[in-house]
Amino acid sequence: MHRIPRVLIAAALVSFSSACALSLRNPQISDLQHNPGRYQDRTVNINGVVTSSWGLPLVPYRFYKVDDGTGEVTVFSQGMRSPTKGARVHVKGRVGEVAVFGGQPIGLHLREEKLDVRR
């Protein structure tokens, strides 16, 4: 009789901890902007639309901005390909910032680890 409540409590704890882990890995961009310290140097996944994309010829660095409807973040890529404006993308990357000034992050960005362009 006492086993059933213990099993239910254990199941609830497992599902709660899984939900917390998923929220750290799949945040909205507004979460990254409002709580940058929580995600600093963590790998996250974002989905959105590319609003701009740029790079220099013969330089292996590319930048593009992704908007998920809650905000926009710059993605830094060392790959040779860069998604075009309007492309729907899924980006896995590590959160970073250039500096913190007055408690506000400057240069919040993702360093791309994996890019999936969806059609």
PDB file of N, CA and C in Angstrom:
ATOM      1  N   MET A   1       0.815  -1.187   0.000  1.00  0.00           N
ATOM      2  CA  MET A   1       0.000   0.000   0.000  1.00  0.00           C
ATOM      3  C   MET A   1       0.864   1.258   0.000  1.00  0.00           C
ATOM      4  N   HIS A   2       1.978   1.231   0.696  1.00  0.00           N
ATOM      5  CA  HIS A   2       2.859   2.394   0.745  1.00  0.00           C
ATOM      6  C   HIS A   2       3.727   2.503  -0.510  1.00  0.00           C
ATOM      7  N   ARG A   3       3.795   1.450  -1.305  1.00  0.00           N
ATOM      8  CA  ARG A   3       4.628   1.467  -2.504  1.00  0.00           C
ATOM      9  C   ARG A   3       4.046   2.359  -3.590  1.00  0.00           C
ATOM     10  N   ILE A   4       2.767   2.389  -3.745  1.00  0.00           N
ATOM     11  CA  ILE A   4       2.144   3.162  -4.817  1.00  0.00           C
ATOM     12  C   ILE A   4       2.449   4.649  -4.662  1.00  0.00           C
ATOM     13  N   PRO A   5       2.281   5.260  -3.518  1.00  0.00           N
ATOM     14  CA  PRO A   5       2.629   6.676  -3.399  1.00  0.00           C
ATOM     15  C   PRO A   5       4.126   6.935  -3.644  1.00  0.00           C
ATOM     16  N   ARG A   6       4.993   6.049  -3.219  1.00  0.00           N
ATOM     17  CA  ARG A   6       6.426   6.232  -3.445  1.00  0.00           C
ATOM     18  C   ARG A   6       6.750   6.174  -4.935  1.00  0.00           C
ATOM     19  N   VAL A   7       6.093   5.268  -5.638  1.00  0.00           N
ATOM     20  CA  VAL A   7       6.306   5.156  -7.080  1.00  0.00           C
ATOM     21  C   VAL A   7       5.807   6.416  -7.777  1.00  0.00           C
ATOM     22  N   LEU A   8       4.663   6.923  -7.349  1.00  0.00           N
ATOM     23  CA  LEU A   8       4.126   8.147  -7.942  1.00  0.00           C
ATOM     24  C   LEU A   8       5.036   9.337  -7.666  1.00  0.00           C
ATOM     25  N   ILE A   9       5.562   9.435  -6.459  1.00  0.00           N
ATOM     26  CA  ILE A   9       6.475  10.529  -6.114  1.00  0.00           C
ATOM     27  C   ILE A   9       7.755  10.430  -6.946  1.00  0.00           C
ATOM     28  N   ALA A  10       8.289   9.234  -7.086  1.00  0.00           N
ATOM     29  CA  ALA A  10       9.497   9.037  -7.890  1.00  0.00           C
ATOM     30  C   ALA A  10       9.246   9.411  -9.352  1.00  0.00           C
ATOM     31  N   ALA A  11       8.107   9.009  -9.889  1.00  0.00           N
ATOM     32  CA  ALA A  11       7.772   9.335 -11.274  1.00  0.00           C
ATOM     33  C   ALA A  11       7.612  10.843 -11.461  1.00  0.00           C
ATOM     34  N   ALA A  12       6.998  11.500 -10.493  1.00  0.00           N
ATOM     35  CA  ALA A  12       6.828  12.951 -10.566  1.00  0.00           C
ATOM     36  C   ALA A  12       8.176  13.664 -10.535  1.00  0.00           C
ATOM     37  N   LEU A  13       9.080  13.208  -9.681  1.00  0.00           N
ATOM     38  CA  LEU A  13      10.415  13.812  -9.607  1.00  0.00           C
ATOM     39  C   LEU A  13      11.192  13.631 -10.903  1.00  0.00           C
ATOM     40  N   VAL A  14      11.106  12.462 -11.502  1.00  0.00           N
ATOM     41  CA  VAL A  14      11.803  12.208 -12.758  1.00  0.00           C
ATOM     42  C   VAL A  14      11.261  13.103 -13.865  1.00  0.00           C
ATOM     43  N   SER A  15       9.950  13.211 -13.982  1.00  0.00           N
ATOM     44  CA  SER A  15       9.371  14.045 -15.032  1.00  0.00           C
ATOM     45  C   SER A  15       9.647  15.526 -14.791  1.00  0.00           C
ATOM     46  N   PHE A  16       9.659  15.975 -13.549  1.00  0.00           N
ATOM     47  CA  PHE A  16       9.967  17.372 -13.242  1.00  0.00           C
ATOM     48  C   PHE A  16      11.411  17.697 -13.598  1.00  0.00           C
ATOM     49  N   SER A  17      12.348  16.824 -13.232  1.00  0.00           N
ATOM     50  CA  SER A  17      13.758  17.087 -13.536  1.00  0.00           C
ATOM     51  C   SER A  17      14.016  17.032 -15.037  1.00  0.00           C
ATOM     52  N   SER A  18      13.305  16.174 -15.766  1.00  0.00           N
ATOM     53  CA  SER A  18      13.436  16.128 -17.218  1.00  0.00           C
ATOM     54  C   SER A  18      12.930  17.417 -17.850  1.00  0.00           C
ATOM     55  N   ALA A  19      11.832  17.938 -17.343  1.00  0.00           N
ATOM     56  CA  ALA A  19      11.283  19.191 -17.863  1.00  0.00           C
ATOM     57  C   ALA A  19      12.243  20.345 -17.613  1.00  0.00           C
ATOM     58  N   CYS A  20      12.884  20.378 -16.463  1.00  0.00           N
ATOM     59  CA  CYS A  20      13.857  21.434 -16.170  1.00  0.00           C
ATOM     60  C   CYS A  20      15.050  21.352 -17.117  1.00  0.00           C
ATOM     61  N   ALA A  21      15.527  20.154 -17.370  1.00  0.00           N
ATOM     62  CA  ALA A  21      16.663  19.977 -18.272  1.00  0.00           C
ATOM     63  C   ALA A  21      16.298  20.402 -19.693  1.00  0.00           C
ATOM     64  N   LEU A  22      15.093  20.069 -20.146  1.00  0.00           N
ATOM     65  CA  LEU A  22      14.665  20.466 -21.477  1.00  0.00           C
ATOM     66  C   LEU A  22      14.515  21.968 -21.594  1.00  0.00           C
ATOM     67  N   SER A  23      14.050  22.643 -20.559  1.00  0.00           N
ATOM     68  CA  SER A  23      13.884  24.093 -20.626  1.00  0.00           C
ATOM     69  C   SER A  23      15.234  24.788 -20.719  1.00  0.00           C
ATOM     70  N   LEU A  24      16.279  24.205 -20.173  1.00  0.00           N
ATOM     71  CA  LEU A  24      17.616  24.785 -20.298  1.00  0.00           C
ATOM     72  C   LEU A  24      18.185  24.565 -21.693  1.00  0.00           C
ATOM     73  N   ARG A  25      17.807  23.485 -22.347  1.00  0.00           N
ATOM     74  CA  ARG A  25      18.351  23.186 -23.664  1.00  0.00           C
ATOM     75  C   ARG A  25      17.539  23.791 -24.802  1.00  0.00           C
ATOM     76  N   ASN A  26      16.252  24.087 -24.585  1.00  0.00           N
ATOM     77  CA  ASN A  26      15.388  24.605 -25.641  1.00  0.00           C
ATOM     78  C   ASN A  26      14.694  25.901 -25.213  1.00  0.00           C
ATOM     79  N   PRO A  27      15.460  26.916 -24.857  1.00  0.00           N
ATOM     80  CA  PRO A  27      14.818  28.161 -24.413  1.00  0.00           C
ATOM     81  C   PRO A  27      14.353  28.998 -25.603  1.00  0.00           C
ATOM     82  N   GLN A  28      13.490  29.953 -25.326  1.00  0.00           N
ATOM     83  CA  GLN A  28      13.144  30.946 -26.332  1.00  0.00           C
ATOM     84  C   GLN A  28      14.257  31.996 -26.326  1.00  0.00           C
ATOM     85  N   ILE A  29      14.382  32.728 -27.408  1.00  0.00           N
ATOM     86  CA  ILE A  29      15.441  33.739 -27.496  1.00  0.00           C
ATOM     87  C   ILE A  29      15.250  34.812 -26.437  1.00  0.00           C
ATOM     88  N   SER A  30      14.012  35.147 -26.111  1.00  0.00           N
ATOM     89  CA  SER A  30      13.782  36.150 -25.061  1.00  0.00           C
ATOM     90  C   SER A  30      14.328  35.673 -23.716  1.00  0.00           C
ATOM     91  N   ASP A  31      14.281  34.356 -23.460  1.00  0.00           N
ATOM     92  CA  ASP A  31      14.877  33.811 -22.234  1.00  0.00           C
ATOM     93  C   ASP A  31      16.381  34.035 -22.224  1.00  0.00           C
ATOM     94  N   LEU A  32      17.021  33.834 -23.366  1.00  0.00           N
ATOM     95  CA  LEU A  32      18.465  34.070 -23.463  1.00  0.00           C
ATOM     96  C   LEU A  32      18.801  35.531 -23.188  1.00  0.00           C
ATOM     97  N   GLN A  33      17.968  36.436 -23.713  1.00  0.00           N
ATOM     98  CA  GLN A  33      18.223  37.868 -23.556  1.00  0.00           C
ATOM     99  C   GLN A  33      17.968  38.344 -22.129  1.00  0.00           C
ATOM    100  N   HIS A  34      16.951  37.805 -21.481  1.00  0.00           N
ATOM    101  CA  HIS A  34      16.596  38.263 -20.134  1.00  0.00           C
ATOM    102  C   HIS A  34      17.394  37.576 -19.035  1.00  0.00           C
ATOM    103  N   ASN A  35      17.896  36.372 -19.280  1.00  0.00           N
ATOM    104  CA  ASN A  35      18.668  35.616 -18.278  1.00  0.00           C
ATOM    105  C   ASN A  35      19.957  35.071 -18.893  1.00  0.00           C
ATOM    106  N   PRO A  36      20.836  35.925 -19.404  1.00  0.00           N
ATOM    107  CA  PRO A  36      22.026  35.415 -20.097  1.00  0.00           C
ATOM    108  C   PRO A  36      22.953  34.617 -19.187  1.00  0.00           C
ATOM    109  N   GLY A  37      23.028  34.958 -17.923  1.00  0.00           N
ATOM    110  CA  GLY A  37      23.902  34.231 -16.999  1.00  0.00           C
ATOM    111  C   GLY A  37      23.477  32.789 -16.800  1.00  0.00           C
ATOM    112  N   ARG A  38      22.199  32.542 -16.890  1.00  0.00           N
ATOM    113  CA  ARG A  38      21.675  31.179 -16.720  1.00  0.00           C
ATOM    114  C   ARG A  38      22.126  30.254 -17.847  1.00  0.00           C
ATOM    115  N   TYR A  39      22.322  30.827 -19.033  1.00  0.00           N
ATOM    116  CA  TYR A  39      22.653  30.035 -20.211  1.00  0.00           C
ATOM    117  C   TYR A  39      24.113  30.188 -20.653  1.00  0.00           C
ATOM    118  N   GLN A  40      24.878  31.045 -19.986  1.00  0.00           N
ATOM    119  CA  GLN A  40      26.269  31.302 -20.377  1.00  0.00           C
ATOM    120  C   GLN A  40      27.071  30.010 -20.481  1.00  0.00           C
ATOM    121  N   ASP A  41      27.744  29.820 -21.601  1.00  0.00           N
ATOM    122  CA  ASP A  41      28.570  28.635 -21.878  1.00  0.00           C
ATOM    123  C   ASP A  41      27.788  27.325 -21.869  1.00  0.00           C
ATOM    124  N   ARG A  42      26.492  27.384 -22.089  1.00  0.00           N
ATOM    125  CA  ARG A  42      25.664  26.178 -22.194  1.00  0.00           C
ATOM    126  C   ARG A  42      25.245  26.000 -23.644  1.00  0.00           C
ATOM    127  N   THR A  43      25.059  24.757 -24.032  1.00  0.00           N
ATOM    128  CA  THR A  43      24.581  24.461 -25.382  1.00  0.00           C
ATOM    129  C   THR A  43      23.056  24.453 -25.364  1.00  0.00           C
ATOM    130  N   VAL A  44      22.467  25.209 -26.300  1.00  0.00           N
ATOM    131  CA  VAL A  44      21.012  25.314 -26.399  1.00  0.00           C
ATOM    132  C   VAL A  44      20.589  25.078 -27.852  1.00  0.00           C
ATOM    133  N   ASN A  45      19.300  24.853 -28.033  1.00  0.00           N
ATOM    134  CA  ASN A  45      18.695  24.701 -29.361  1.00  0.00           C
ATOM    135  C   ASN A  45      17.671  25.799 -29.549  1.00  0.00           C
ATOM    136  N   ILE A  46      17.700  26.439 -30.708  1.00  0.00           N
ATOM    137  CA  ILE A  46      16.676  27.436 -31.032  1.00  0.00           C
ATOM    138  C   ILE A  46      16.129  27.155 -32.427  1.00  0.00           C
ATOM    139  N   ASN A  47      14.884  27.525 -32.626  1.00  0.00           N
ATOM    140  CA  ASN A  47      14.221  27.419 -33.925  1.00  0.00           C
ATOM    141  C   ASN A  47      13.746  28.808 -34.302  1.00  0.00           C
ATOM    142  N   GLY A  48      13.858  29.158 -35.572  1.00  0.00           N
ATOM    143  CA  GLY A  48      13.383  30.458 -35.996  1.00  0.00           C
ATOM    144  C   GLY A  48      13.630  30.705 -37.470  1.00  0.00           C
ATOM    145  N   VAL A  49      13.490  31.979 -37.834  1.00  0.00           N
ATOM    146  CA  VAL A  49      13.653  32.419 -39.216  1.00  0.00           C
ATOM    147  C   VAL A  49      14.871  33.336 -39.287  1.00  0.00           C
ATOM    148  N   VAL A  50      15.684  33.148 -40.311  1.00  0.00           N
ATOM    149  CA  VAL A  50      16.864  33.986 -40.509  1.00  0.00           C
ATOM    150  C   VAL A  50      16.406  35.351 -41.007  1.00  0.00           C
ATOM    151  N   THR A  51      16.794  36.414 -40.285  1.00  0.00           N
ATOM    152  CA  THR A  51      16.402  37.774 -40.669  1.00  0.00           C
ATOM    153  C   THR A  51      17.495  38.486 -41.444  1.00  0.00           C
ATOM    154  N   SER A  52      18.739  38.101 -41.241  1.00  0.00           N
ATOM    155  CA  SER A  52      19.846  38.648 -42.026  1.00  0.00           C
ATOM    156  C   SER A  52      21.018  37.690 -41.952  1.00  0.00           C
ATOM    157  N   SER A  53      21.889  37.784 -42.941  1.00  0.00           N
ATOM    158  CA  SER A  53      23.017  36.876 -43.032  1.00  0.00           C
ATOM    159  C   SER A  53      24.159  37.611 -43.720  1.00  0.00           C
ATOM    160  N   TRP A  54      25.370  37.500 -43.188  1.00  0.00           N
ATOM    161  CA  TRP A  54      26.498  38.178 -43.811  1.00  0.00           C
ATOM    162  C   TRP A  54      27.814  37.468 -43.510  1.00  0.00           C
ATOM    163  N   GLY A  55      28.783  37.743 -44.337  1.00  0.00           N
ATOM    164  CA  GLY A  55      30.119  37.186 -44.204  1.00  0.00           C
ATOM    165  C   GLY A  55      31.003  37.813 -45.263  1.00  0.00           C
ATOM    166  N   LEU A  56      32.283  37.576 -45.200  1.00  0.00           N
ATOM    167  CA  LEU A  56      33.231  38.106 -46.169  1.00  0.00           C
ATOM    168  C   LEU A  56      33.786  36.975 -47.020  1.00  0.00           C
ATOM    169  N   PRO A  57      33.989  37.231 -48.312  1.00  0.00           N
ATOM    170  CA  PRO A  57      34.574  36.194 -49.158  1.00  0.00           C
ATOM    171  C   PRO A  57      35.967  35.796 -48.656  1.00  0.00           C
ATOM    172  N   LEU A  58      36.272  34.527 -48.757  1.00  0.00           N
ATOM    173  CA  LEU A  58      37.564  33.965 -48.371  1.00  0.00           C
ATOM    174  C   LEU A  58      37.843  34.001 -46.876  1.00  0.00           C
ATOM    175  N   VAL A  59      36.878  34.415 -46.086  1.00  0.00           N
ATOM    176  CA  VAL A  59      37.012  34.401 -44.630  1.00  0.00           C
ATOM    177  C   VAL A  59      36.048  33.339 -44.103  1.00  0.00           C
ATOM    178  N   PRO A  60      36.537  32.388 -43.313  1.00  0.00           N
ATOM    179  CA  PRO A  60      35.685  31.256 -42.910  1.00  0.00           C
ATOM    180  C   PRO A  60      34.690  31.559 -41.791  1.00  0.00           C
ATOM    181  N   TYR A  61      34.375  32.808 -41.552  1.00  0.00           N
ATOM    182  CA  TYR A  61      33.421  33.169 -40.500  1.00  0.00           C
ATOM    183  C   TYR A  61      32.173  33.750 -41.126  1.00  0.00           C
ATOM    184  N   ARG A  62      31.025  33.325 -40.625  1.00  0.00           N
ATOM    185  CA  ARG A  62      29.735  33.828 -41.098  1.00  0.00           C
ATOM    186  C   ARG A  62      28.896  34.208 -39.892  1.00  0.00           C
ATOM    187  N   PHE A  63      28.020  35.170 -40.087  1.00  0.00           N
ATOM    188  CA  PHE A  63      27.099  35.609 -39.048  1.00  0.00           C
ATOM    189  C   PHE A  63      25.703  35.639 -39.639  1.00  0.00           C
ATOM    190  N   TYR A  64      24.725  35.274 -38.825  1.00  0.00           N
ATOM    191  CA  TYR A  64      23.341  35.443 -39.235  1.00  0.00           C
ATOM    192  C   TYR A  64      22.490  35.645 -37.988  1.00  0.00           C
ATOM    193  N   LYS A  65      21.356  36.305 -38.176  1.00  0.00           N
ATOM    194  CA  LYS A  65      20.442  36.569 -37.063  1.00  0.00           C
ATOM    195  C   LYS A  65      19.222  35.678 -37.218  1.00  0.00           C
ATOM    196  N   VAL A  66      18.778  35.127 -36.079  1.00  0.00           N
ATOM    197  CA  VAL A  66      17.610  34.239 -36.060  1.00  0.00           C
ATOM    198  C   VAL A  66      16.561  34.859 -35.141  1.00  0.00           C
ATOM    199  N   ASP A  67      15.328  34.904 -35.622  1.00  0.00           N
ATOM    200  CA  ASP A  67      14.197  35.435 -34.861  1.00  0.00           C
ATOM    201  C   ASP A  67      13.184  34.321 -34.648  1.00  0.00           C
ATOM    202  N   ASP A  68      12.824  34.073 -33.381  1.00  0.00           N
ATOM    203  CA  ASP A  68      11.830  33.022 -33.088  1.00  0.00           C
ATOM    204  C   ASP A  68      10.467  33.596 -32.716  1.00  0.00           C
ATOM    205  N   GLY A  69      10.290  34.897 -32.897  1.00  0.00           N
ATOM    206  CA  GLY A  69       9.022  35.535 -32.546  1.00  0.00           C
ATOM    207  C   GLY A  69       9.055  36.176 -31.172  1.00  0.00           C
ATOM    208  N   THR A  70      10.022  35.805 -30.335  1.00  0.00           N
ATOM    209  CA  THR A  70      10.154  36.406 -29.005  1.00  0.00           C
ATOM    210  C   THR A  70      11.362  37.325 -28.918  1.00  0.00           C
ATOM    211  N   GLY A  71      12.245  37.212 -29.891  1.00  0.00           N
ATOM    212  CA  GLY A  71      13.457  38.016 -29.909  1.00  0.00           C
ATOM    213  C   GLY A  71      14.369  37.556 -31.024  1.00  0.00           C
ATOM    214  N   GLU A  72      15.516  38.199 -31.093  1.00  0.00           N
ATOM    215  CA  GLU A  72      16.467  37.914 -32.156  1.00  0.00           C
ATOM    216  C   GLU A  72      17.849  37.732 -31.553  1.00  0.00           C
ATOM    217  N   VAL A  73      18.627  36.782 -32.082  1.00  0.00           N
ATOM    218  CA  VAL A  73      19.978  36.523 -31.585  1.00  0.00           C
ATOM    219  C   VAL A  73      20.907  36.327 -32.779  1.00  0.00           C
ATOM    220  N   THR A  74      22.151  36.773 -32.616  1.00  0.00           N
ATOM    221  CA  THR A  74      23.171  36.592 -33.643  1.00  0.00           C
ATOM    222  C   THR A  74      23.820  35.230 -33.464  1.00  0.00           C
ATOM    223  N   VAL A  75      24.027  34.536 -34.572  1.00  0.00           N
ATOM    224  CA  VAL A  75      24.691  33.237 -34.567  1.00  0.00           C
ATOM    225  C   VAL A  75      26.016  33.382 -35.304  1.00  0.00           C
ATOM    226  N   PHE A  76      27.088  32.938 -34.671  1.00  0.00           N
ATOM    227  CA  PHE A  76      28.432  32.980 -35.218  1.00  0.00           C
ATOM    228  C   PHE A  76      28.756  31.590 -35.745  1.00  0.00           C
ATOM    229  N   SER A  77      29.126  31.502 -37.025  1.00  0.00           N
ATOM    230  CA  SER A  77      29.390  30.212 -37.647  1.00  0.00           C
ATOM    231  C   SER A  77      30.779  30.193 -38.250  1.00  0.00           C
ATOM    232  N   GLN A  78      31.477  29.090 -38.085  1.00  0.00           N
ATOM    233  CA  GLN A  78      32.774  28.928 -38.720  1.00  0.00           C
ATOM    234  C   GLN A  78      32.670  28.048 -39.954  1.00  0.00           C
ATOM    235  N   GLY A  79      31.462  27.705 -40.323  1.00  0.00           N
ATOM    236  CA  GLY A  79      31.242  26.893 -41.514  1.00  0.00           C
ATOM    237  C   GLY A  79      31.323  27.741 -42.771  1.00  0.00           C
ATOM    238  N   MET A  80      31.411  27.077 -43.883  1.00  0.00           N
ATOM    239  CA  MET A  80      31.491  27.790 -45.160  1.00  0.00           C
ATOM    240  C   MET A  80      30.115  28.151 -45.704  1.00  0.00           C
ATOM    241  N   ARG A  81      29.075  27.535 -45.174  1.00  0.00           N
ATOM    242  CA  ARG A  81      27.737  27.862 -45.660  1.00  0.00           C
ATOM    243  C   ARG A  81      26.991  28.677 -44.607  1.00  0.00           C
ATOM    244  N   SER A  82      26.133  29.520 -45.106  1.00  0.00           N
ATOM    245  CA  SER A  82      25.329  30.357 -44.229  1.00  0.00           C
ATOM    246  C   SER A  82      23.903  30.349 -44.762  1.00  0.00           C
ATOM    247  N   PRO A  83      22.898  30.227 -43.905  1.00  0.00           N
ATOM    248  CA  PRO A  83      21.519  30.210 -44.412  1.00  0.00           C
ATOM    249  C   PRO A  83      21.126  31.572 -44.974  1.00  0.00           C
ATOM    250  N   THR A  84      20.234  31.554 -45.930  1.00  0.00           N
ATOM    251  CA  THR A  84      19.782  32.793 -46.553  1.00  0.00           C
ATOM    252  C   THR A  84      18.645  33.421 -45.758  1.00  0.00           C
ATOM    253  N   LYS A  85      18.430  34.688 -45.995  1.00  0.00           N
ATOM    254  CA  LYS A  85      17.349  35.415 -45.327  1.00  0.00           C
ATOM    255  C   LYS A  85      16.014  34.742 -45.635  1.00  0.00           C
ATOM    256  N   GLY A  86      15.211  34.547 -44.592  1.00  0.00           N
ATOM    257  CA  GLY A  86      13.902  33.924 -44.741  1.00  0.00           C
ATOM    258  C   GLY A  86      13.889  32.421 -44.514  1.00  0.00           C
ATOM    259  N   ALA A  87      15.062  31.808 -44.394  1.00  0.00           N
ATOM    260  CA  ALA A  87      15.131  30.357 -44.179  1.00  0.00           C
ATOM    261  C   ALA A  87      14.714  30.012 -42.754  1.00  0.00           C
ATOM    262  N   ARG A  88      13.969  28.921 -42.606  1.00  0.00           N
ATOM    263  CA  ARG A  88      13.611  28.412 -41.280  1.00  0.00           C
ATOM    264  C   ARG A  88      14.744  27.492 -40.845  1.00  0.00           C
ATOM    265  N   VAL A  89      15.269  27.732 -39.646  1.00  0.00           N
ATOM    266  CA  VAL A  89      16.429  26.970 -39.187  1.00  0.00           C
ATOM    267  C   VAL A  89      16.242  26.436 -37.777  1.00  0.00           C
ATOM    268  N   HIS A  90      16.988  25.384 -37.496  1.00  0.00           N
ATOM    269  CA  HIS A  90      17.135  24.836 -36.151  1.00  0.00           C
ATOM    270  C   HIS A  90      18.632  24.911 -35.874  1.00  0.00           C
ATOM    271  N   VAL A  91      19.019  25.678 -34.843  1.00  0.00           N
ATOM    272  CA  VAL A  91      20.428  25.880 -34.535  1.00  0.00           C
ATOM    273  C   VAL A  91      20.736  25.336 -33.149  1.00  0.00           C
ATOM    274  N   LYS A  92      21.790  24.537 -33.080  1.00  0.00           N
ATOM    275  CA  LYS A  92      22.329  24.090 -31.805  1.00  0.00           C
ATOM    276  C   LYS A  92      23.628  24.857 -31.623  1.00  0.00           C
ATOM    277  N   GLY A  93      23.769  25.538 -30.488  1.00  0.00           N
ATOM    278  CA  GLY A  93      24.973  26.317 -30.282  1.00  0.00           C
ATOM    279  C   GLY A  93      25.213  26.650 -28.825  1.00  0.00           C
ATOM    280  N   ARG A  94      26.409  27.123 -28.562  1.00  0.00           N
ATOM    281  CA  ARG A  94      26.828  27.497 -27.210  1.00  0.00           C
ATOM    282  C   ARG A  94      26.627  28.998 -27.029  1.00  0.00           C
ATOM    283  N   VAL A  95      25.971  29.375 -25.932  1.00  0.00           N
ATOM    284  CA  VAL A  95      25.670  30.771 -25.640  1.00  0.00           C
ATOM    285  C   VAL A  95      26.928  31.478 -25.141  1.00  0.00           C
ATOM    286  N   GLY A  96      27.163  32.664 -25.667  1.00  0.00           N
ATOM    287  CA  GLY A  96      28.299  33.471 -25.232  1.00  0.00           C
ATOM    288  C   GLY A  96      27.950  34.949 -25.318  1.00  0.00           C
ATOM    289  N   GLU A  97      28.802  35.751 -24.755  1.00  0.00           N
ATOM    290  CA  GLU A  97      28.651  37.205 -24.850  1.00  0.00           C
ATOM    291  C   GLU A  97      30.046  37.807 -24.881  1.00  0.00           C
ATOM    292  N   VAL A  98      30.151  38.968 -25.503  1.00  0.00           N
ATOM    293  CA  VAL A  98      31.442  39.631 -25.619  1.00  0.00           C
ATOM    294  C   VAL A  98      31.834  40.253 -24.290  1.00  0.00           C
ATOM    295  N   ALA A  99      30.874  40.910 -23.635  1.00  0.00           N
ATOM    296  CA  ALA A  99      31.153  41.573 -22.359  1.00  0.00           C
ATOM    297  C   ALA A  99      29.849  41.837 -21.616  1.00  0.00           C
ATOM    298  N   VAL A 100      29.968  42.219 -20.355  1.00  0.00           N
ATOM    299  CA  VAL A 100      28.827  42.645 -19.554  1.00  0.00           C
ATOM    300  C   VAL A 100      29.138  44.059 -19.078  1.00  0.00           C
ATOM    301  N   PHE A 101      28.221  44.985 -19.349  1.00  0.00           N
ATOM    302  CA  PHE A 101      28.416  46.378 -18.962  1.00  0.00           C
ATOM    303  C   PHE A 101      27.186  46.849 -18.203  1.00  0.00           C
ATOM    304  N   GLY A 102      27.358  47.208 -16.956  1.00  0.00           N
ATOM    305  CA  GLY A 102      26.231  47.662 -16.142  1.00  0.00           C
ATOM    306  C   GLY A 102      25.197  46.572 -15.937  1.00  0.00           C
ATOM    307  N   GLY A 103      25.636  45.324 -15.899  1.00  0.00           N
ATOM    308  CA  GLY A 103      24.715  44.208 -15.698  1.00  0.00           C
ATOM    309  C   GLY A 103      23.992  43.765 -16.954  1.00  0.00           C
ATOM    310  N   GLN A 104      24.237  44.444 -18.084  1.00  0.00           N
ATOM    311  CA  GLN A 104      23.579  44.092 -19.338  1.00  0.00           C
ATOM    312  C   GLN A 104      24.572  43.403 -20.268  1.00  0.00           C
ATOM    313  N   PRO A 105      24.177  42.296 -20.898  1.00  0.00           N
ATOM    314  CA  PRO A 105      25.090  41.616 -21.812  1.00  0.00           C
ATOM    315  C   PRO A 105      25.291  42.418 -23.095  1.00  0.00           C
ATOM    316  N   ILE A 106      26.513  42.440 -23.573  1.00  0.00           N
ATOM    317  CA  ILE A 106      26.834  43.090 -24.835  1.00  0.00           C
ATOM    318  C   ILE A 106      27.363  42.011 -25.761  1.00  0.00           C
ATOM    319  N   GLY A 107      26.786  41.924 -26.914  1.00  0.00           N
ATOM    320  CA  GLY A 107      27.249  40.937 -27.883  1.00  0.00           C
ATOM    321  C   GLY A 107      26.774  39.527 -27.603  1.00  0.00           C
ATOM    322  N   LEU A 108      25.560  39.380 -27.074  1.00  0.00           N
ATOM    323  CA  LEU A 108      24.996  38.056 -26.837  1.00  0.00           C
ATOM    324  C   LEU A 108      24.910  37.315 -28.169  1.00  0.00           C
ATOM    325  N   HIS A 109      25.418  36.084 -28.223  1.00  0.00           N
ATOM    326  CA  HIS A 109      25.436  35.328 -29.464  1.00  0.00           C
ATOM    327  C   HIS A 109      25.470  33.824 -29.189  1.00  0.00           C
ATOM    328  N   LEU A 110      25.228  33.072 -30.233  1.00  0.00           N
ATOM    329  CA  LEU A 110      25.388  31.623 -30.196  1.00  0.00           C
ATOM    330  C   LEU A 110      26.559  31.268 -31.099  1.00  0.00           C
ATOM    331  N   ARG A 111      27.424  30.392 -30.643  1.00  0.00           N
ATOM    332  CA  ARG A 111      28.488  29.846 -31.494  1.00  0.00           C
ATOM    333  C   ARG A 111      27.935  28.534 -32.050  1.00  0.00           C
ATOM    334  N   GLU A 112      27.655  28.536 -33.337  1.00  0.00           N
ATOM    335  CA  GLU A 112      26.994  27.406 -33.991  1.00  0.00           C
ATOM    336  C   GLU A 112      27.789  26.111 -33.843  1.00  0.00           C
ATOM    337  N   GLU A 113      27.079  25.067 -33.410  1.00  0.00           N
ATOM    338  CA  GLU A 113      27.647  23.721 -33.368  1.00  0.00           C
ATOM    339  C   GLU A 113      27.001  22.843 -34.431  1.00  0.00           C
ATOM    340  N   LYS A 114      25.720  23.102 -34.693  1.00  0.00           N
ATOM    341  CA  LYS A 114      24.996  22.335 -35.710  1.00  0.00           C
ATOM    342  C   LYS A 114      23.896  23.207 -36.287  1.00  0.00           C
ATOM    343  N   LEU A 115      23.707  23.122 -37.584  1.00  0.00           N
ATOM    344  CA  LEU A 115      22.674  23.903 -38.271  1.00  0.00           C
ATOM    345  C   LEU A 115      21.839  22.976 -39.153  1.00  0.00           C
ATOM    346  N   ASP A 116      20.522  23.061 -38.996  1.00  0.00           N
ATOM    347  CA  ASP A 116      19.586  22.354 -39.865  1.00  0.00           C
ATOM    348  C   ASP A 116      18.690  23.395 -40.519  1.00  0.00           C
ATOM    349  N   VAL A 117      18.717  23.442 -41.856  1.00  0.00           N
ATOM    350  CA  VAL A 117      17.843  24.355 -42.587  1.00  0.00           C
ATOM    351  C   VAL A 117      16.614  23.573 -42.992  1.00  0.00           C
ATOM    352  N   ARG A 118      15.465  24.098 -42.613  1.00  0.00           N
ATOM    353  CA  ARG A 118      14.184  23.428 -42.920  1.00  0.00           C
ATOM    354  C   ARG A 118      13.501  24.122 -44.067  1.00  0.00           C
ATOM    355  N   ARG A 119      12.879  23.373 -44.877  1.00  0.00           N
ATOM    356  CA  ARG A 119      12.201  23.953 -46.052  1.00  0.00           C
ATOM    357  C   ARG A 119      10.724  24.011 -45.846  1.00  0.00           C
TER     358      ARG A 119
END
